[in-house]
Amino acid sequence: MQTIFKVSNIDESDAKTRLGKPNQMGFTIPKRLGLLTFALSAGLVLAAGSVYAESANTPPPHPQLENTGHNARDKGDATLTPEDQKENSGDIKITAAIRKAVVKHKSLSLDAHNAKIITRGGVVTLRGPVENLAEKNKLQSIAEKTRGVKQVDNQLEPKTP
């Protein structure tokens, strides 16, 4: 087997004149440069390995959490999304008050706690999945009792009737 690189104890200035000039054993590179190259290569291998291991251990999405169809529906301007929330202080206060009241109810499901609440000019739109019809009605009731709400558009989708 032929040696391609030979590591030597030459200093940096001497390396500039010798680097790239072949000798009998191959190319001569300074010891520091060889160690640096080795350290960088090892670091890249370790980093790539850990990224691969992370991606290999990622579980597939739970089928009930898959919402690609909902995301496709929400791409157009036909439905309201949280990005459509008005930035005036009144609407922000209404949304915050409803969210606080919803989260306070520990009996509600995680889906109900994460329902979309969008307020525009005092009109509240509720969107997203909830466990059942009772949760849908409870969220609507909470929104209707909140001060400043003019109307509630309940678009919540119960998983079970």
C-alpha atoms as a PDB file:
ATOM      1  CA  MET A   1       0.000   0.000   0.000  1.00  0.00           C
ATOM      2  CA  GLN A   2       1.402   3.382  -0.936  1.00  0.00           C
ATOM      3  CA  THR A   3       1.361   6.360   1.454  1.00  0.00           C
ATOM      4  CA  ILE A   4      -0.388   9.405   0.080  1.00  0.00           C
ATOM      5  CA  PHE A   5       0.317  11.818   2.925  1.00  0.00           C
ATOM      6  CA  LYS A   6       3.225  11.938   5.305  1.00  0.00           C
ATOM      7  CA  VAL A   7       2.843  13.949   8.511  1.00  0.00           C
ATOM      8  CA  SER A   8       6.009  15.604   9.662  1.00  0.00           C
ATOM      9  CA  ASN A   9       7.122  18.022  12.349  1.00  0.00           C
ATOM     10  CA  ILE A  10       8.007  20.859   9.980  1.00  0.00           C
ATOM     11  CA  ASP A  11       6.962  24.379  10.861  1.00  0.00           C
ATOM     12  CA  GLU A  12       4.326  26.426   8.998  1.00  0.00           C
ATOM     13  CA  SER A  13       6.749  28.499   6.933  1.00  0.00           C
ATOM     14  CA  ASP A  14       8.592  25.428   5.699  1.00  0.00           C
ATOM     15  CA  ALA A  15       5.265  23.782   4.900  1.00  0.00           C
ATOM     16  CA  LYS A  16       4.378  26.511   2.419  1.00  0.00           C
ATOM     17  CA  THR A  17       7.411  25.701   0.338  1.00  0.00           C
ATOM     18  CA  ARG A  18       7.093  21.922   0.635  1.00  0.00           C
ATOM     19  CA  LEU A  19       3.295  21.522   0.485  1.00  0.00           C
ATOM     20  CA  GLY A  20       2.271  20.201  -2.857  1.00  0.00           C
ATOM     21  CA  LYS A  21       5.752  19.113  -3.872  1.00  0.00           C
ATOM     22  CA  PRO A  22       5.878  15.341  -4.135  1.00  0.00           C
ATOM     23  CA  ASN A  23       8.726  13.419  -2.561  1.00  0.00           C
ATOM     24  CA  GLN A  24       9.440   9.731  -2.467  1.00  0.00           C
ATOM     25  CA  MET A  25       6.771   8.977   0.151  1.00  0.00           C
ATOM     26  CA  GLY A  26       3.982  11.239  -1.174  1.00  0.00           C
ATOM     27  CA  PHE A  27       3.006  14.758  -0.170  1.00  0.00           C
ATOM     28  CA  THR A  28       4.343  16.236   3.051  1.00  0.00           C
ATOM     29  CA  ILE A  29       1.965  18.262   5.227  1.00  0.00           C
ATOM     30  CA  PRO A  30       2.637  19.893   8.583  1.00  0.00           C
ATOM     31  CA  LYS A  31       1.576  18.033  11.739  1.00  0.00           C
ATOM     32  CA  ARG A  32      -0.890  20.741  12.815  1.00  0.00           C
ATOM     33  CA  LEU A  33      -2.647  20.701   9.465  1.00  0.00           C
ATOM     34  CA  GLY A  34      -2.918  16.917   9.578  1.00  0.00           C
ATOM     35  CA  LEU A  35      -4.373  16.975  13.087  1.00  0.00           C
ATOM     36  CA  LEU A  36      -6.777  19.763  12.157  1.00  0.00           C
ATOM     37  CA  THR A  37      -7.937  17.860   9.094  1.00  0.00           C
ATOM     38  CA  PHE A  38      -8.441  14.720  11.169  1.00  0.00           C
ATOM     39  CA  ALA A  39     -10.372  16.600  13.866  1.00  0.00           C
ATOM     40  CA  LEU A  40     -12.663  18.306  11.332  1.00  0.00           C
ATOM     41  CA  SER A  41     -13.326  15.030   9.522  1.00  0.00           C
ATOM     42  CA  ALA A  42     -14.135  13.242  12.770  1.00  0.00           C
ATOM     43  CA  GLY A  43     -16.463  16.071  13.798  1.00  0.00           C
ATOM     44  CA  LEU A  44     -18.349  15.909  10.506  1.00  0.00           C
ATOM     45  CA  VAL A  45     -18.745  12.146  10.756  1.00  0.00           C
ATOM     46  CA  LEU A  46     -20.058  12.415  14.329  1.00  0.00           C
ATOM     47  CA  ALA A  47     -22.444  15.248  13.441  1.00  0.00           C
ATOM     48  CA  ALA A  48     -23.801  13.433  10.392  1.00  0.00           C
ATOM     49  CA  GLY A  49     -24.236  10.257  12.423  1.00  0.00           C
ATOM     50  CA  SER A  50     -26.215  11.976  15.166  1.00  0.00           C
ATOM     51  CA  VAL A  51     -28.510  13.701  12.651  1.00  0.00           C
ATOM     52  CA  TYR A  52     -29.118  10.373  10.938  1.00  0.00           C
ATOM     53  CA  ALA A  53     -29.836   8.684  14.275  1.00  0.00           C
ATOM     54  CA  GLU A  54     -32.352  11.410  15.187  1.00  0.00           C
ATOM     55  CA  SER A  55     -34.223  11.087  11.906  1.00  0.00           C
ATOM     56  CA  ALA A  56     -34.232   7.277  12.146  1.00  0.00           C
ATOM     57  CA  ASN A  57     -35.782   7.375  15.646  1.00  0.00           C
ATOM     58  CA  THR A  58     -38.585   9.810  14.772  1.00  0.00           C
ATOM     59  CA  PRO A  59     -41.889   7.969  15.108  1.00  0.00           C
ATOM     60  CA  PRO A  60     -44.408   8.252  12.279  1.00  0.00           C
ATOM     61  CA  PRO A  61     -47.200  10.770  12.873  1.00  0.00           C
ATOM     62  CA  HIS A  62     -50.254   9.474  14.688  1.00  0.00           C
ATOM     63  CA  PRO A  63     -53.084   9.054  12.148  1.00  0.00           C
ATOM     64  CA  GLN A  64     -55.472  11.166  14.257  1.00  0.00           C
ATOM     65  CA  LEU A  65     -52.903  13.967  14.367  1.00  0.00           C
ATOM     66  CA  GLU A  66     -52.506  14.022  10.604  1.00  0.00           C
ATOM     67  CA  ASN A  67     -54.234  17.172   9.351  1.00  0.00           C
ATOM     68  CA  THR A  68     -52.963  17.518   5.802  1.00  0.00           C
ATOM     69  CA  GLY A  69     -56.507  17.782   4.464  1.00  0.00           C
ATOM     70  CA  HIS A  70     -57.308  20.621   6.868  1.00  0.00           C
ATOM     71  CA  ASN A  71     -54.099  22.421   5.961  1.00  0.00           C
ATOM     72  CA  ALA A  72     -54.907  22.188   2.255  1.00  0.00           C
ATOM     73  CA  ARG A  73     -58.385  23.570   2.947  1.00  0.00           C
ATOM     74  CA  ASP A  74     -56.919  26.467   4.947  1.00  0.00           C
ATOM     75  CA  LYS A  75     -54.504  27.554   2.199  1.00  0.00           C
ATOM     76  CA  GLY A  76     -57.082  29.634   0.369  1.00  0.00           C
ATOM     77  CA  ASP A  77     -58.798  32.760   1.579  1.00  0.00           C
ATOM     78  CA  ALA A  78     -62.126  30.954   2.017  1.00  0.00           C
ATOM     79  CA  THR A  79     -61.584  30.131   5.695  1.00  0.00           C
ATOM     80  CA  LEU A  80     -60.184  32.138   8.567  1.00  0.00           C
ATOM     81  CA  THR A  81     -56.897  31.129  10.164  1.00  0.00           C
ATOM     82  CA  PRO A  82     -55.167  32.572  13.249  1.00  0.00           C
ATOM     83  CA  GLU A  83     -53.128  34.769  10.906  1.00  0.00           C
ATOM     84  CA  ASP A  84     -56.367  36.590  10.088  1.00  0.00           C
ATOM     85  CA  GLN A  85     -56.670  37.774  13.711  1.00  0.00           C
ATOM     86  CA  LYS A  86     -56.961  41.554  13.833  1.00  0.00           C
ATOM     87  CA  GLU A  87     -54.187  43.344  15.690  1.00  0.00           C
ATOM     88  CA  ASN A  88     -56.362  45.906  17.450  1.00  0.00           C
ATOM     89  CA  SER A  89     -56.332  45.763  21.233  1.00  0.00           C
ATOM     90  CA  GLY A  90     -60.049  44.981  21.602  1.00  0.00           C
ATOM     91  CA  ASP A  91     -59.892  41.849  19.454  1.00  0.00           C
ATOM     92  CA  ILE A  92     -56.670  40.711  21.103  1.00  0.00           C
ATOM     93  CA  LYS A  93     -58.239  41.103  24.565  1.00  0.00           C
ATOM     94  CA  ILE A  94     -61.319  39.122  23.520  1.00  0.00           C
ATOM     95  CA  THR A  95     -59.218  36.277  22.110  1.00  0.00           C
ATOM     96  CA  ALA A  96     -56.998  36.210  25.211  1.00  0.00           C
ATOM     97  CA  ALA A  97     -60.006  36.168  27.554  1.00  0.00           C
ATOM     98  CA  ILE A  98     -61.629  33.284  25.682  1.00  0.00           C
ATOM     99  CA  ARG A  99     -58.368  31.311  25.590  1.00  0.00           C
ATOM    100  CA  LYS A 100     -57.850  31.855  29.329  1.00  0.00           C
ATOM    101  CA  ALA A 101     -61.384  30.667  30.098  1.00  0.00           C
ATOM    102  CA  VAL A 102     -61.021  27.602  27.869  1.00  0.00           C
ATOM    103  CA  VAL A 103     -57.698  26.564  29.391  1.00  0.00           C
ATOM    104  CA  LYS A 104     -59.149  26.996  32.897  1.00  0.00           C
ATOM    105  CA  HIS A 105     -61.605  24.137  32.190  1.00  0.00           C
ATOM    106  CA  LYS A 106     -59.468  21.070  32.918  1.00  0.00           C
ATOM    107  CA  SER A 107     -62.292  18.736  31.873  1.00  0.00           C
ATOM    108  CA  LEU A 108     -61.915  19.816  28.230  1.00  0.00           C
ATOM    109  CA  SER A 109     -59.726  17.743  25.907  1.00  0.00           C
ATOM    110  CA  LEU A 110     -56.359  18.808  24.550  1.00  0.00           C
ATOM    111  CA  ASP A 111     -58.020  19.410  21.186  1.00  0.00           C
ATOM    112  CA  ALA A 112     -60.511  21.807  22.786  1.00  0.00           C
ATOM    113  CA  HIS A 113     -57.714  23.632  24.593  1.00  0.00           C
ATOM    114  CA  ASN A 114     -55.951  24.054  21.234  1.00  0.00           C
ATOM    115  CA  ALA A 115     -58.955  25.177  19.212  1.00  0.00           C
ATOM    116  CA  LYS A 116     -58.358  28.162  16.954  1.00  0.00           C
ATOM    117  CA  ILE A 117     -59.911  31.376  18.264  1.00  0.00           C
ATOM    118  CA  ILE A 118     -59.985  34.205  15.738  1.00  0.00           C
ATOM    119  CA  THR A 119     -61.545  37.569  16.549  1.00  0.00           C
ATOM    120  CA  ARG A 120     -62.277  40.208  13.931  1.00  0.00           C
ATOM    121  CA  GLY A 121     -64.302  43.254  14.932  1.00  0.00           C
ATOM    122  CA  GLY A 122     -65.876  41.473  17.892  1.00  0.00           C
ATOM    123  CA  VAL A 123     -66.928  38.464  15.775  1.00  0.00           C
ATOM    124  CA  VAL A 124     -65.293  35.310  17.142  1.00  0.00           C
ATOM    125  CA  THR A 125     -64.627  32.312  14.909  1.00  0.00           C
ATOM    126  CA  LEU A 126     -63.942  28.975  16.608  1.00  0.00           C
ATOM    127  CA  ARG A 127     -62.241  26.344  14.449  1.00  0.00           C
ATOM    128  CA  GLY A 128     -60.564  22.980  14.818  1.00  0.00           C
ATOM    129  CA  PRO A 129     -61.337  19.502  16.099  1.00  0.00           C
ATOM    130  CA  VAL A 130     -62.928  18.782  19.485  1.00  0.00           C
ATOM    131  CA  GLU A 131     -63.757  15.437  21.098  1.00  0.00           C
ATOM    132  CA  ASN A 132     -67.548  15.683  20.989  1.00  0.00           C
ATOM    133  CA  LEU A 133     -70.608  17.887  20.561  1.00  0.00           C
ATOM    134  CA  ALA A 134     -70.604  18.805  24.270  1.00  0.00           C
ATOM    135  CA  GLU A 135     -67.124  20.355  23.940  1.00  0.00           C
ATOM    136  CA  LYS A 136     -68.218  22.235  20.829  1.00  0.00           C
ATOM    137  CA  ASN A 137     -71.167  23.703  22.732  1.00  0.00           C
ATOM    138  CA  LYS A 138     -69.043  24.466  25.817  1.00  0.00           C
ATOM    139  CA  LEU A 139     -66.509  26.479  23.782  1.00  0.00           C
ATOM    140  CA  GLN A 140     -69.323  28.376  22.087  1.00  0.00           C
ATOM    141  CA  SER A 141     -70.875  29.152  25.472  1.00  0.00           C
ATOM    142  CA  ILE A 142     -67.551  30.415  26.826  1.00  0.00           C
ATOM    143  CA  ALA A 143     -67.083  32.663  23.778  1.00  0.00           C
ATOM    144  CA  GLU A 144     -70.631  34.039  23.957  1.00  0.00           C
ATOM    145  CA  LYS A 145     -70.231  34.963  27.653  1.00  0.00           C
ATOM    146  CA  THR A 146     -67.032  36.905  27.015  1.00  0.00           C
ATOM    147  CA  ARG A 147     -67.414  40.674  27.170  1.00  0.00           C
ATOM    148  CA  GLY A 148     -67.107  42.448  23.815  1.00  0.00           C
ATOM    149  CA  VAL A 149     -68.186  39.485  21.677  1.00  0.00           C
ATOM    150  CA  LYS A 150     -70.858  40.464  19.161  1.00  0.00           C
ATOM    151  CA  GLN A 151     -71.276  37.104  17.443  1.00  0.00           C
ATOM    152  CA  VAL A 152     -69.770  33.592  17.496  1.00  0.00           C
ATOM    153  CA  ASP A 153     -69.162  31.589  14.324  1.00  0.00           C
ATOM    154  CA  ASN A 154     -68.721  28.034  15.631  1.00  0.00           C
ATOM    155  CA  GLN A 155     -66.865  25.934  13.039  1.00  0.00           C
ATOM    156  CA  LEU A 156     -65.572  23.385  15.557  1.00  0.00           C
ATOM    157  CA  GLU A 157     -65.621  19.802  14.294  1.00  0.00           C
ATOM    158  CA  PRO A 158     -66.572  17.103  16.832  1.00  0.00           C
ATOM    159  CA  LYS A 159     -64.772  13.772  16.357  1.00  0.00           C
ATOM    160  CA  THR A 160     -67.737  11.855  17.788  1.00  0.00           C
ATOM    161  CA  PRO A 161     -71.417  12.896  17.729  1.00  0.00           C
END
